[in-house]
PDB file of N, CA and C in Angstrom:
ATOM      1  N   MET A   1      26.244  15.015   5.841  1.00  0.00           N
ATOM      2  CA  MET A   1      27.377  15.501   5.092  1.00  0.00           C
ATOM      3  C   MET A   1      26.874  15.955   3.727  1.00  0.00           C
ATOM      4  N   THR A   2      27.578  16.881   3.122  1.00  0.00           N
ATOM      5  CA  THR A   2      27.191  17.370   1.799  1.00  0.00           C
ATOM      6  C   THR A   2      28.195  16.911   0.751  1.00  0.00           C
ATOM      7  N   ASP A   3      27.698  16.699  -0.463  1.00  0.00           N
ATOM      8  CA  ASP A   3      28.611  16.316  -1.527  1.00  0.00           C
ATOM      9  C   ASP A   3      29.578  17.453  -1.859  1.00  0.00           C
ATOM     10  N   ALA A   4      29.162  18.703  -1.613  1.00  0.00           N
ATOM     11  CA  ALA A   4      30.050  19.842  -1.844  1.00  0.00           C
ATOM     12  C   ALA A   4      31.240  19.837  -0.882  1.00  0.00           C
ATOM     13  N   SER A   5      31.059  19.304   0.320  1.00  0.00           N
ATOM     14  CA  SER A   5      32.178  19.192   1.262  1.00  0.00           C
ATOM     15  C   SER A   5      33.233  18.230   0.720  1.00  0.00           C
ATOM     16  N   VAL A   6      32.786  17.120   0.155  1.00  0.00           N
ATOM     17  CA  VAL A   6      33.718  16.163  -0.453  1.00  0.00           C
ATOM     18  C   VAL A   6      34.404  16.808  -1.658  1.00  0.00           C
ATOM     19  N   ASP A   7      33.635  17.537  -2.466  1.00  0.00           N
ATOM     20  CA  ASP A   7      34.220  18.224  -3.623  1.00  0.00           C
ATOM     21  C   ASP A   7      35.265  19.253  -3.187  1.00  0.00           C
ATOM     22  N   ALA A   8      34.982  19.983  -2.112  1.00  0.00           N
ATOM     23  CA  ALA A   8      35.928  20.985  -1.613  1.00  0.00           C
ATOM     24  C   ALA A   8      37.234  20.333  -1.189  1.00  0.00           C
ATOM     25  N   LEU A   9      37.140  19.202  -0.522  1.00  0.00           N
ATOM     26  CA  LEU A   9      38.354  18.482  -0.140  1.00  0.00           C
ATOM     27  C   LEU A   9      39.103  18.011  -1.375  1.00  0.00           C
ATOM     28  N   ASN A  10      38.392  17.444  -2.338  1.00  0.00           N
ATOM     29  CA  ASN A  10      39.049  16.972  -3.564  1.00  0.00           C
ATOM     30  C   ASN A  10      39.755  18.089  -4.313  1.00  0.00           C
ATOM     31  N   SER A  11      39.225  19.311  -4.233  1.00  0.00           N
ATOM     32  CA  SER A  11      39.880  20.432  -4.921  1.00  0.00           C
ATOM     33  C   SER A  11      41.240  20.757  -4.313  1.00  0.00           C
ATOM     34  N   GLN A  12      41.493  20.300  -3.085  1.00  0.00           N
ATOM     35  CA  GLN A  12      42.766  20.549  -2.401  1.00  0.00           C
ATOM     36  C   GLN A  12      43.728  19.359  -2.480  1.00  0.00           C
ATOM     37  N   LEU A  13      43.218  18.196  -2.845  1.00  0.00           N
ATOM     38  CA  LEU A  13      44.045  16.986  -2.881  1.00  0.00           C
ATOM     39  C   LEU A  13      44.824  16.905  -4.186  1.00  0.00           C
ATOM     40  N   ARG A  14      46.011  16.324  -4.104  1.00  0.00           N
ATOM     41  CA  ARG A  14      46.807  15.997  -5.286  1.00  0.00           C
ATOM     42  C   ARG A  14      46.969  14.485  -5.306  1.00  0.00           C
ATOM     43  N   ASP A  15      46.968  13.908  -6.454  1.00  0.00           N
ATOM     44  CA  ASP A  15      47.275  12.484  -6.671  1.00  0.00           C
ATOM     45  C   ASP A  15      46.145  11.516  -6.336  1.00  0.00           C
ATOM     46  N   ILE A  16      45.162  11.898  -5.515  1.00  0.00           N
ATOM     47  CA  ILE A  16      44.042  11.001  -5.221  1.00  0.00           C
ATOM     48  C   ILE A  16      42.736  11.787  -5.293  1.00  0.00           C
ATOM     49  N   THR A  17      41.663  11.058  -5.439  1.00  0.00           N
ATOM     50  CA  THR A  17      40.317  11.611  -5.357  1.00  0.00           C
ATOM     51  C   THR A  17      39.537  10.732  -4.402  1.00  0.00           C
ATOM     52  N   VAL A  18      38.842  11.358  -3.463  1.00  0.00           N
ATOM     53  CA  VAL A  18      38.024  10.604  -2.519  1.00  0.00           C
ATOM     54  C   VAL A  18      36.554  10.760  -2.894  1.00  0.00           C
ATOM     55  N   THR A  19      35.736   9.881  -2.361  1.00  0.00           N
ATOM     56  CA  THR A  19      34.289   9.966  -2.538  1.00  0.00           C
ATOM     57  C   THR A  19      33.641   9.963  -1.161  1.00  0.00           C
ATOM     58  N   GLU A  20      32.332  10.115  -1.152  1.00  0.00           N
ATOM     59  CA  GLU A  20      31.630  10.049   0.129  1.00  0.00           C
ATOM     60  C   GLU A  20      31.834   8.705   0.801  1.00  0.00           C
ATOM     61  N   ALA A  21      32.125   7.660   0.032  1.00  0.00           N
ATOM     62  CA  ALA A  21      32.351   6.334   0.625  1.00  0.00           C
ATOM     63  C   ALA A  21      33.534   6.331   1.587  1.00  0.00           C
ATOM     64  N   ASN A  22      34.504   7.204   1.373  1.00  0.00           N
ATOM     65  CA  ASN A  22      35.624   7.298   2.308  1.00  0.00           C
ATOM     66  C   ASN A  22      35.164   7.733   3.694  1.00  0.00           C
ATOM     67  N   TYR A  23      34.045   8.464   3.742  1.00  0.00           N
ATOM     68  CA  TYR A  23      33.575   9.056   5.002  1.00  0.00           C
ATOM     69  C   TYR A  23      32.324   8.385   5.561  1.00  0.00           C
ATOM     70  N   ARG A  24      31.743   7.466   4.837  1.00  0.00           N
ATOM     71  CA  ARG A  24      30.645   6.618   5.306  1.00  0.00           C
ATOM     72  C   ARG A  24      29.475   7.396   5.925  1.00  0.00           C
ATOM     73  N   PRO A  25      28.947   8.418   5.237  1.00  0.00           N
ATOM     74  CA  PRO A  25      27.833   9.163   5.836  1.00  0.00           C
ATOM     75  C   PRO A  25      26.534   8.354   5.820  1.00  0.00           C
ATOM     76  N   ASN A  26      25.697   8.583   6.797  1.00  0.00           N
ATOM     77  CA  ASN A  26      24.361   7.990   6.781  1.00  0.00           C
ATOM     78  C   ASN A  26      23.445   8.749   5.836  1.00  0.00           C
ATOM     79  N   ILE A  27      23.668  10.059   5.736  1.00  0.00           N
ATOM     80  CA  ILE A  27      22.873  10.915   4.853  1.00  0.00           C
ATOM     81  C   ILE A  27      23.841  11.809   4.093  1.00  0.00           C
ATOM     82  N   LEU A  28      23.659  11.899   2.775  1.00  0.00           N
ATOM     83  CA  LEU A  28      24.478  12.767   1.929  1.00  0.00           C
ATOM     84  C   LEU A  28      23.543  13.712   1.186  1.00  0.00           C
ATOM     85  N   LEU A  29      23.760  15.011   1.344  1.00  0.00           N
ATOM     86  CA  LEU A  29      22.905  16.004   0.703  1.00  0.00           C
ATOM     87  C   LEU A  29      23.622  16.675  -0.459  1.00  0.00           C
ATOM     88  N   ALA A  30      22.881  16.909  -1.522  1.00  0.00           N
ATOM     89  CA  ALA A  30      23.381  17.638  -2.684  1.00  0.00           C
ATOM     90  C   ALA A  30      22.737  19.023  -2.705  1.00  0.00           C
ATOM     91  N   GLY A  31      23.372  19.955  -3.400  1.00  0.00           N
ATOM     92  CA  GLY A  31      22.801  21.282  -3.549  1.00  0.00           C
ATOM     93  C   GLY A  31      22.973  22.174  -2.342  1.00  0.00           C
ATOM     94  N   VAL A  32      23.925  21.841  -1.488  1.00  0.00           N
ATOM     95  CA  VAL A  32      24.196  22.603  -0.269  1.00  0.00           C
ATOM     96  C   VAL A  32      25.665  23.030  -0.314  1.00  0.00           C
ATOM     97  N   PRO A  33      25.993  24.248   0.108  1.00  0.00           N
ATOM     98  CA  PRO A  33      27.395  24.683   0.068  1.00  0.00           C
ATOM     99  C   PRO A  33      28.319  23.791   0.915  1.00  0.00           C
ATOM    100  N   ALA A  34      29.576  23.763   0.540  1.00  0.00           N
ATOM    101  CA  ALA A  34      30.577  22.974   1.265  1.00  0.00           C
ATOM    102  C   ALA A  34      30.620  23.374   2.737  1.00  0.00           C
ATOM    103  N   PHE A  35      30.606  22.366   3.590  1.00  0.00           N
ATOM    104  CA  PHE A  35      30.727  22.499   5.036  1.00  0.00           C
ATOM    105  C   PHE A  35      29.603  23.324   5.667  1.00  0.00           C
ATOM    106  N   ASP A  36      28.511  23.514   4.948  1.00  0.00           N
ATOM    107  CA  ASP A  36      27.354  24.233   5.477  1.00  0.00           C
ATOM    108  C   ASP A  36      26.787  23.526   6.706  1.00  0.00           C
ATOM    109  N   GLU A  37      26.920  22.210   6.734  1.00  0.00           N
ATOM    110  CA  GLU A  37      26.373  21.421   7.843  1.00  0.00           C
ATOM    111  C   GLU A  37      26.984  21.816   9.194  1.00  0.00           C
ATOM    112  N   ASP A  38      28.149  22.418   9.180  1.00  0.00           N
ATOM    113  CA  ASP A  38      28.775  22.867  10.430  1.00  0.00           C
ATOM    114  C   ASP A  38      27.919  23.892  11.169  1.00  0.00           C
ATOM    115  N   ASN A  39      27.043  24.567  10.457  1.00  0.00           N
ATOM    116  CA  ASN A  39      26.259  25.665  11.028  1.00  0.00           C
ATOM    117  C   ASN A  39      24.801  25.308  11.282  1.00  0.00           C
ATOM    118  N   TRP A  40      24.432  24.070  11.060  1.00  0.00           N
ATOM    119  CA  TRP A  40      23.039  23.671  11.254  1.00  0.00           C
ATOM    120  C   TRP A  40      22.712  23.517  12.736  1.00  0.00           C
ATOM    121  N   ASN A  41      21.483  23.834  13.071  1.00  0.00           N
ATOM    122  CA  ASN A  41      20.979  23.608  14.423  1.00  0.00           C
ATOM    123  C   ASN A  41      19.963  22.472  14.405  1.00  0.00           C
ATOM    124  N   GLN A  42      18.992  22.575  13.503  1.00  0.00           N
ATOM    125  CA  GLN A  42      17.970  21.535  13.370  1.00  0.00           C
ATOM    126  C   GLN A  42      17.788  21.215  11.897  1.00  0.00           C
ATOM    127  N   ILE A  43      17.329  19.987  11.634  1.00  0.00           N
ATOM    128  CA  ILE A  43      17.083  19.559  10.263  1.00  0.00           C
ATOM    129  C   ILE A  43      15.788  18.752  10.228  1.00  0.00           C
ATOM    130  N   LYS A  44      15.020  18.988   9.183  1.00  0.00           N
ATOM    131  CA  LYS A  44      13.814  18.193   8.935  1.00  0.00           C
ATOM    132  C   LYS A  44      13.951  17.621   7.532  1.00  0.00           C
ATOM    133  N   ILE A  45      13.741  16.314   7.408  1.00  0.00           N
ATOM    134  CA  ILE A  45      13.831  15.636   6.124  1.00  0.00           C
ATOM    135  C   ILE A  45      12.501  14.948   5.856  1.00  0.00           C
ATOM    136  N   GLY A  46      11.904  15.264   4.714  1.00  0.00           N
ATOM    137  CA  GLY A  46      10.625  14.664   4.370  1.00  0.00           C
ATOM    138  C   GLY A  46       9.535  15.125   5.316  1.00  0.00           C
ATOM    139  N   ASP A  47       8.544  14.260   5.506  1.00  0.00           N
ATOM    140  CA  ASP A  47       7.395  14.614   6.338  1.00  0.00           C
ATOM    141  C   ASP A  47       7.544  14.221   7.794  1.00  0.00           C
ATOM    142  N   SER A  48       8.564  13.393   8.111  1.00  0.00           N
ATOM    143  CA  SER A  48       8.554  12.856   9.468  1.00  0.00           C
ATOM    144  C   SER A  48       9.856  12.967  10.245  1.00  0.00           C
ATOM    145  N   PHE A  49      11.024  12.961   9.606  1.00  0.00           N
ATOM    146  CA  PHE A  49      12.278  12.953  10.368  1.00  0.00           C
ATOM    147  C   PHE A  49      12.659  14.359  10.800  1.00  0.00           C
ATOM    148  N   GLN A  50      12.979  14.506  12.092  1.00  0.00           N
ATOM    149  CA  GLN A  50      13.500  15.760  12.610  1.00  0.00           C
ATOM    150  C   GLN A  50      14.683  15.448  13.517  1.00  0.00           C
ATOM    151  N   GLY A  51      15.753  16.209  13.353  1.00  0.00           N
ATOM    152  CA  GLY A  51      16.932  15.995  14.173  1.00  0.00           C
ATOM    153  C   GLY A  51      17.597  17.304  14.540  1.00  0.00           C
ATOM    154  N   ARG A  52      18.558  17.204  15.458  1.00  0.00           N
ATOM    155  CA  ARG A  52      19.279  18.398  15.903  1.00  0.00           C
ATOM    156  C   ARG A  52      20.774  18.117  15.915  1.00  0.00           C
ATOM    157  N   PHE A  53      21.523  19.179  15.690  1.00  0.00           N
ATOM    158  CA  PHE A  53      22.986  19.126  15.685  1.00  0.00           C
ATOM    159  C   PHE A  53      23.499  18.709  17.053  1.00  0.00           C
ATOM    160  N   LEU A  54      24.435  17.768  17.073  1.00  0.00           N
ATOM    161  CA  LEU A  54      25.130  17.414  18.315  1.00  0.00           C
ATOM    162  C   LEU A  54      26.542  17.972  18.304  1.00  0.00           C
ATOM    163  N   PHE A  55      27.342  17.565  17.323  1.00  0.00           N
ATOM    164  CA  PHE A  55      28.705  18.075  17.195  1.00  0.00           C
ATOM    165  C   PHE A  55      29.270  17.706  15.837  1.00  0.00           C
ATOM    166  N   LYS A  56      30.358  18.369  15.493  1.00  0.00           N
ATOM    167  CA  LYS A  56      31.048  18.089  14.233  1.00  0.00           C
ATOM    168  C   LYS A  56      31.773  16.759  14.345  1.00  0.00           C
ATOM    169  N   CYS A  57      32.023  16.143  13.212  1.00  0.00           N
ATOM    170  CA  CYS A  57      32.650  14.826  13.194  1.00  0.00           C
ATOM    171  C   CYS A  57      34.148  14.946  12.907  1.00  0.00           C
ATOM    172  N   THR A  58      34.953  14.634  13.911  1.00  0.00           N
ATOM    173  CA  THR A  58      36.395  14.574  13.697  1.00  0.00           C
ATOM    174  C   THR A  58      36.714  13.275  12.974  1.00  0.00           C
ATOM    175  N   ARG A  59      37.755  13.294  12.188  1.00  0.00           N
ATOM    176  CA  ARG A  59      38.059  12.141  11.350  1.00  0.00           C
ATOM    177  C   ARG A  59      39.344  11.441  11.744  1.00  0.00           C
ATOM    178  N   CYS A  60      39.239  10.125  11.787  1.00  0.00           N
ATOM    179  CA  CYS A  60      40.372   9.261  12.106  1.00  0.00           C
ATOM    180  C   CYS A  60      41.123   8.940  10.817  1.00  0.00           C
ATOM    181  N   ASN A  61      41.911   7.882  10.827  1.00  0.00           N
ATOM    182  CA  ASN A  61      42.698   7.491   9.659  1.00  0.00           C
ATOM    183  C   ASN A  61      41.935   6.631   8.660  1.00  0.00           C
ATOM    184  N   LEU A  62      40.747   6.146   8.985  1.00  0.00           N
ATOM    185  CA  LEU A  62      40.042   5.245   8.076  1.00  0.00           C
ATOM    186  C   LEU A  62      39.786   5.836   6.689  1.00  0.00           C
ATOM    187  N   PRO A  63      39.469   7.133   6.542  1.00  0.00           N
ATOM    188  CA  PRO A  63      39.320   7.671   5.187  1.00  0.00           C
ATOM    189  C   PRO A  63      40.600   7.604   4.348  1.00  0.00           C
ATOM    190  N   ASN A  64      41.727   7.307   4.976  1.00  0.00           N
ATOM    191  CA  ASN A  64      42.986   7.140   4.236  1.00  0.00           C
ATOM    192  C   ASN A  64      43.062   5.802   3.521  1.00  0.00           C
ATOM    193  N   VAL A  65      42.008   4.998   3.615  1.00  0.00           N
ATOM    194  CA  VAL A  65      41.957   3.688   2.962  1.00  0.00           C
ATOM    195  C   VAL A  65      40.959   3.752   1.813  1.00  0.00           C
ATOM    196  N   ASP A  66      41.389   3.330   0.626  1.00  0.00           N
ATOM    197  CA  ASP A  66      40.503   3.291  -0.531  1.00  0.00           C
ATOM    198  C   ASP A  66      39.373   2.299  -0.241  1.00  0.00           C
ATOM    199  N   PRO A  67      38.107   2.752  -0.231  1.00  0.00           N
ATOM    200  CA  PRO A  67      37.009   1.848   0.136  1.00  0.00           C
ATOM    201  C   PRO A  67      36.750   0.753  -0.895  1.00  0.00           C
ATOM    202  N   GLN A  68      37.254   0.912  -2.104  1.00  0.00           N
ATOM    203  CA  GLN A  68      37.060  -0.093  -3.144  1.00  0.00           C
ATOM    204  C   GLN A  68      38.118  -1.190  -3.102  1.00  0.00           C
ATOM    205  N   THR A  69      39.360  -0.808  -2.799  1.00  0.00           N
ATOM    206  CA  THR A  69      40.469  -1.776  -2.891  1.00  0.00           C
ATOM    207  C   THR A  69      41.050  -2.166  -1.542  1.00  0.00           C
ATOM    208  N   GLY A  70      40.849  -1.338  -0.526  1.00  0.00           N
ATOM    209  CA  GLY A  70      41.466  -1.586   0.775  1.00  0.00           C
ATOM    210  C   GLY A  70      42.905  -1.098   0.861  1.00  0.00           C
ATOM    211  N   ALA A  71      43.417  -0.526  -0.221  1.00  0.00           N
ATOM    212  CA  ALA A  71      44.789  -0.004  -0.226  1.00  0.00           C
ATOM    213  C   ALA A  71      44.850   1.304   0.557  1.00  0.00           C
ATOM    214  N   VAL A  72      45.936   1.501   1.280  1.00  0.00           N
ATOM    215  CA  VAL A  72      46.140   2.725   2.050  1.00  0.00           C
ATOM    216  C   VAL A  72      46.753   3.775   1.134  1.00  0.00           C
ATOM    217  N   TYR A  73      46.151   4.967   1.115  1.00  0.00           N
ATOM    218  CA  TYR A  73      46.714   6.066   0.338  1.00  0.00           C
ATOM    219  C   TYR A  73      48.053   6.482   0.942  1.00  0.00           C
ATOM    220  N   GLN A  74      48.914   7.028   0.120  1.00  0.00           N
ATOM    221  CA  GLN A  74      50.245   7.454   0.554  1.00  0.00           C
ATOM    222  C   GLN A  74      50.191   8.808   1.265  1.00  0.00           C
ATOM    223  N   ASN A  75      51.208   9.087   2.038  1.00  0.00           N
ATOM    224  CA  ASN A  75      51.459  10.402   2.647  1.00  0.00           C
ATOM    225  C   ASN A  75      50.334  10.879   3.569  1.00  0.00           C
ATOM    226  N   ASP A  76      49.674   9.949   4.271  1.00  0.00           N
ATOM    227  CA  ASP A  76      48.645  10.298   5.248  1.00  0.00           C
ATOM    228  C   ASP A  76      47.511  11.111   4.624  1.00  0.00           C
ATOM    229  N   GLN A  77      47.183  10.782   3.379  1.00  0.00           N
ATOM    230  CA  GLN A  77      46.105  11.478   2.668  1.00  0.00           C
ATOM    231  C   GLN A  77      44.845  10.625   2.684  1.00  0.00           C
ATOM    232  N   PRO A  78      43.688  11.231   2.716  1.00  0.00           N
ATOM    233  CA  PRO A  78      43.352  12.656   2.663  1.00  0.00           C
ATOM    234  C   PRO A  78      43.337  13.356   4.030  1.00  0.00           C
ATOM    235  N   ARG A  79      43.629  12.617   5.097  1.00  0.00           N
ATOM    236  CA  ARG A  79      43.543  13.184   6.449  1.00  0.00           C
ATOM    237  C   ARG A  79      44.383  14.445   6.608  1.00  0.00           C
ATOM    238  N   LYS A  80      45.617  14.423   6.108  1.00  0.00           N
ATOM    239  CA  LYS A  80      46.515  15.569   6.280  1.00  0.00           C
ATOM    240  C   LYS A  80      45.960  16.809   5.582  1.00  0.00           C
ATOM    241  N   THR A  81      45.423  16.640   4.388  1.00  0.00           N
ATOM    242  CA  THR A  81      44.858  17.778   3.667  1.00  0.00           C
ATOM    243  C   THR A  81      43.592  18.276   4.354  1.00  0.00           C
ATOM    244  N   LEU A  82      42.744  17.376   4.833  1.00  0.00           N
ATOM    245  CA  LEU A  82      41.536  17.785   5.544  1.00  0.00           C
ATOM    246  C   LEU A  82      41.893  18.594   6.789  1.00  0.00           C
ATOM    247  N   MET A  83      42.942  18.195   7.482  1.00  0.00           N
ATOM    248  CA  MET A  83      43.377  18.941   8.675  1.00  0.00           C
ATOM    249  C   MET A  83      43.768  20.374   8.319  1.00  0.00           C
ATOM    250  N   LYS A  84      44.282  20.577   7.110  1.00  0.00           N
ATOM    251  CA  LYS A  84      44.683  21.925   6.686  1.00  0.00           C
ATOM    252  C   LYS A  84      43.504  22.742   6.171  1.00  0.00           C
ATOM    253  N   CYS A  85      42.577  22.103   5.446  1.00  0.00           N
ATOM    254  CA  CYS A  85      41.526  22.887   4.789  1.00  0.00           C
ATOM    255  C   CYS A  85      40.232  22.981   5.582  1.00  0.00           C
ATOM    256  N   HIS A  86      39.993  22.066   6.531  1.00  0.00           N
ATOM    257  CA  HIS A  86      38.768  22.177   7.325  1.00  0.00           C
ATOM    258  C   HIS A  86      38.999  21.574   8.704  1.00  0.00           C
ATOM    259  N   HIS A  87      39.329  22.441   9.628  1.00  0.00           N
ATOM    260  CA  HIS A  87      39.667  22.017  10.991  1.00  0.00           C
ATOM    261  C   HIS A  87      38.942  22.905  11.989  1.00  0.00           C
ATOM    262  N   ALA A  88      39.130  22.627  13.247  1.00  0.00           N
ATOM    263  CA  ALA A  88      38.457  23.373  14.313  1.00  0.00           C
ATOM    264  C   ALA A  88      38.882  24.833  14.311  1.00  0.00           C
ATOM    265  N   LYS A  89      37.904  25.698  14.596  1.00  0.00           N
ATOM    266  CA  LYS A  89      38.192  27.109  14.816  1.00  0.00           C
ATOM    267  C   LYS A  89      38.931  27.231  16.147  1.00  0.00           C
ATOM    268  N   PRO A  90      39.679  28.311  16.382  1.00  0.00           N
ATOM    269  CA  PRO A  90      40.400  28.456  17.651  1.00  0.00           C
ATOM    270  C   PRO A  90      39.504  28.263  18.876  1.00  0.00           C
ATOM    271  N   SER A  91      38.265  28.723  18.812  1.00  0.00           N
ATOM    272  CA  SER A  91      37.353  28.577  19.951  1.00  0.00           C
ATOM    273  C   SER A  91      36.869  27.134  20.129  1.00  0.00           C
ATOM    274  N   GLU A  92      37.115  26.260  19.161  1.00  0.00           N
ATOM    275  CA  GLU A  92      36.650  24.875  19.212  1.00  0.00           C
ATOM    276  C   GLU A  92      37.751  23.856  19.481  1.00  0.00           C
ATOM    277  N   VAL A  93      38.984  24.306  19.604  1.00  0.00           N
ATOM    278  CA  VAL A  93      40.116  23.393  19.713  1.00  0.00           C
ATOM    279  C   VAL A  93      39.985  22.473  20.927  1.00  0.00           C
ATOM    280  N   ASP A  94      39.455  22.968  22.028  1.00  0.00           N
ATOM    281  CA  ASP A  94      39.292  22.108  23.204  1.00  0.00           C
ATOM    282  C   ASP A  94      38.383  20.919  22.916  1.00  0.00           C
ATOM    283  N   MET A  95      37.371  21.123  22.078  1.00  0.00           N
ATOM    284  CA  MET A  95      36.423  20.046  21.780  1.00  0.00           C
ATOM    285  C   MET A  95      36.918  19.127  20.665  1.00  0.00           C
ATOM    286  N   TYR A  96      37.503  19.702  19.614  1.00  0.00           N
ATOM    287  CA  TYR A  96      37.844  18.928  18.422  1.00  0.00           C
ATOM    288  C   TYR A  96      39.343  18.729  18.223  1.00  0.00           C
ATOM    289  N   SER A  97      40.159  19.293  19.064  1.00  0.00           N
ATOM    290  CA  SER A  97      41.621  19.309  18.950  1.00  0.00           C
ATOM    291  C   SER A  97      42.013  19.793  17.557  1.00  0.00           C
ATOM    292  N   ASN A  98      43.053  19.245  16.989  1.00  0.00           N
ATOM    293  CA  ASN A  98      43.550  19.729  15.698  1.00  0.00           C
ATOM    294  C   ASN A  98      43.239  18.719  14.589  1.00  0.00           C
ATOM    295  N   ARG A  99      42.109  18.058  14.684  1.00  0.00           N
ATOM    296  CA  ARG A  99      41.766  17.042  13.689  1.00  0.00           C
ATOM    297  C   ARG A  99      40.923  17.636  12.569  1.00  0.00           C
ATOM    298  N   GLY A 100      40.974  16.999  11.425  1.00  0.00           N
ATOM    299  CA  GLY A 100      40.130  17.411  10.318  1.00  0.00           C
ATOM    300  C   GLY A 100      38.672  17.108  10.622  1.00  0.00           C
ATOM    301  N   LEU A 101      37.790  17.950  10.110  1.00  0.00           N
ATOM    302  CA  LEU A 101      36.354  17.806  10.340  1.00  0.00           C
ATOM    303  C   LEU A 101      35.645  17.545   9.018  1.00  0.00           C
ATOM    304  N   MET A 102      34.753  16.552   9.013  1.00  0.00           N
ATOM    305  CA  MET A 102      33.950  16.262   7.819  1.00  0.00           C
ATOM    306  C   MET A 102      32.634  15.663   8.275  1.00  0.00           C
ATOM    307  N   GLY A 103      31.548  16.425   8.111  1.00  0.00           N
ATOM    308  CA  GLY A 103      30.230  15.959   8.508  1.00  0.00           C
ATOM    309  C   GLY A 103      29.907  16.328   9.943  1.00  0.00           C
ATOM    310  N   ILE A 104      28.685  15.949  10.355  1.00  0.00           N
ATOM    311  CA  ILE A 104      28.216  16.238  11.708  1.00  0.00           C
ATOM    312  C   ILE A 104      27.453  15.037  12.255  1.00  0.00           C
ATOM    313  N   TYR A 105      27.302  15.015  13.571  1.00  0.00           N
ATOM    314  CA  TYR A 105      26.425  14.055  14.234  1.00  0.00           C
ATOM    315  C   TYR A 105      25.095  14.754  14.489  1.00  0.00           C
ATOM    316  N   ILE A 106      24.003  14.029  14.229  1.00  0.00           N
ATOM    317  CA  ILE A 106      22.652  14.539  14.438  1.00  0.00           C
ATOM    318  C   ILE A 106      21.920  13.588  15.369  1.00  0.00           C
ATOM    319  N   ALA A 107      21.210  14.132  16.352  1.00  0.00           N
ATOM    320  CA  ALA A 107      20.338  13.327  17.214  1.00  0.00           C
ATOM    321  C   ALA A 107      18.942  13.344  16.609  1.00  0.00           C
ATOM    322  N   ALA A 108      18.345  12.177  16.463  1.00  0.00           N
ATOM    323  CA  ALA A 108      16.991  12.078  15.929  1.00  0.00           C
ATOM    324  C   ALA A 108      15.988  12.394  17.036  1.00  0.00           C
ATOM    325  N   ASP A 109      15.223  13.463  16.850  1.00  0.00           N
ATOM    326  CA  ASP A 109      14.188  13.842  17.812  1.00  0.00           C
ATOM    327  C   ASP A 109      12.829  13.260  17.429  1.00  0.00           C
ATOM    328  N   VAL A 110      12.557  13.196  16.145  1.00  0.00           N
ATOM    329  CA  VAL A 110      11.334  12.580  15.621  1.00  0.00           C
ATOM    330  C   VAL A 110      11.775  11.640  14.515  1.00  0.00           C
ATOM    331  N   CYS A 111      11.550  10.361  14.718  1.00  0.00           N
ATOM    332  CA  CYS A 111      12.007   9.356  13.753  1.00  0.00           C
ATOM    333  C   CYS A 111      10.935   9.080  12.710  1.00  0.00           C
ATOM    334  N   GLY A 112      11.392   8.713  11.549  1.00  0.00           N
ATOM    335  CA  GLY A 112      10.504   8.348  10.463  1.00  0.00           C
ATOM    336  C   GLY A 112      11.320   8.074   9.225  1.00  0.00           C
ATOM    337  N   PRO A 113      10.692   7.516   8.218  1.00  0.00           N
ATOM    338  CA  PRO A 113      11.440   7.167   7.008  1.00  0.00           C
ATOM    339  C   PRO A 113      11.888   8.405   6.242  1.00  0.00           C
ATOM    340  N   ILE A 114      13.044   8.281   5.619  1.00  0.00           N
ATOM    341  CA  ILE A 114      13.520   9.302   4.685  1.00  0.00           C
ATOM    342  C   ILE A 114      13.801   8.605   3.366  1.00  0.00           C
ATOM    343  N   ARG A 115      13.653   9.370   2.288  1.00  0.00           N
ATOM    344  CA  ARG A 115      13.826   8.808   0.958  1.00  0.00           C
ATOM    345  C   ARG A 115      14.649   9.753   0.098  1.00  0.00           C
ATOM    346  N   VAL A 116      15.326   9.190  -0.872  1.00  0.00           N
ATOM    347  CA  VAL A 116      16.037  10.012  -1.845  1.00  0.00           C
ATOM    348  C   VAL A 116      15.029  10.959  -2.476  1.00  0.00           C
ATOM    349  N   GLY A 117      15.385  12.234  -2.535  1.00  0.00           N
ATOM    350  CA  GLY A 117      14.515  13.233  -3.127  1.00  0.00           C
ATOM    351  C   GLY A 117      13.611  13.947  -2.144  1.00  0.00           C
ATOM    352  N   ASP A 118      13.583  13.523  -0.868  1.00  0.00           N
ATOM    353  CA  ASP A 118      12.782  14.225   0.143  1.00  0.00           C
ATOM    354  C   ASP A 118      13.249  15.670   0.276  1.00  0.00           C
ATOM    355  N   SER A 119      12.314  16.548   0.627  1.00  0.00           N
ATOM    356  CA  SER A 119      12.685  17.932   0.896  1.00  0.00           C
ATOM    357  C   SER A 119      13.474  17.987   2.204  1.00  0.00           C
ATOM    358  N   VAL A 120      14.375  18.966   2.271  1.00  0.00           N
ATOM    359  CA  VAL A 120      15.206  19.153   3.459  1.00  0.00           C
ATOM    360  C   VAL A 120      15.081  20.604   3.896  1.00  0.00           C
ATOM    361  N   HIS A 121      14.794  20.801   5.177  1.00  0.00           N
ATOM    362  CA  HIS A 121      14.689  22.135   5.753  1.00  0.00           C
ATOM    363  C   HIS A 121      15.643  22.208   6.936  1.00  0.00           C
ATOM    364  N   VAL A 122      16.412  23.304   6.982  1.00  0.00           N
ATOM    365  CA  VAL A 122      17.449  23.468   8.013  1.00  0.00           C
ATOM    366  C   VAL A 122      17.247  24.779   8.737  1.00  0.00           C
ATOM    367  N   ASN A 123      17.403  24.761  10.054  1.00  0.00           N
ATOM    368  CA  ASN A 123      17.515  25.973  10.861  1.00  0.00           C
ATOM    369  C   ASN A 123      18.983  26.097  11.249  1.00  0.00           C
ATOM    370  N   TYR A 124      19.492  27.304  11.174  1.00  0.00           N
ATOM    371  CA  TYR A 124      20.909  27.545  11.449  1.00  0.00           C
ATOM    372  C   TYR A 124      21.125  28.011  12.876  1.00  0.00           C
ATOM    373  N   ARG A 125      22.333  27.689  13.389  1.00  0.00           N
ATOM    374  CA  ARG A 125      22.724  28.170  14.715  1.00  0.00           C
ATOM    375  C   ARG A 125      23.094  29.626  14.622  1.00  0.00           C
TER     376      ARG A 125
END
């Protein structure tokens, strides 16, 4: 997931601000355009990790809970806004239905350690 994707969602939200903690990513990248990860085919991080795109991540209601307090946000937010601003394309509705999308699943093809600050190289679909 990219921090710009979270920023893009926040630009559409009223009354609340979410962080990457709402979405629990394993890897968060900075310096990448919002939702760019939707178009990745393969990714290499550092000298050893290589992975490939599996599918986009549909989101349940858990991001509607403040990760710091456990309080539920009002009015089905941020899920409702995510469904409006970043959802499946018409050709993808069979796979993702009408749910909001944030982040992707990656299959690890070559495992190895990754560290903050490692270089990231992406091939696009």
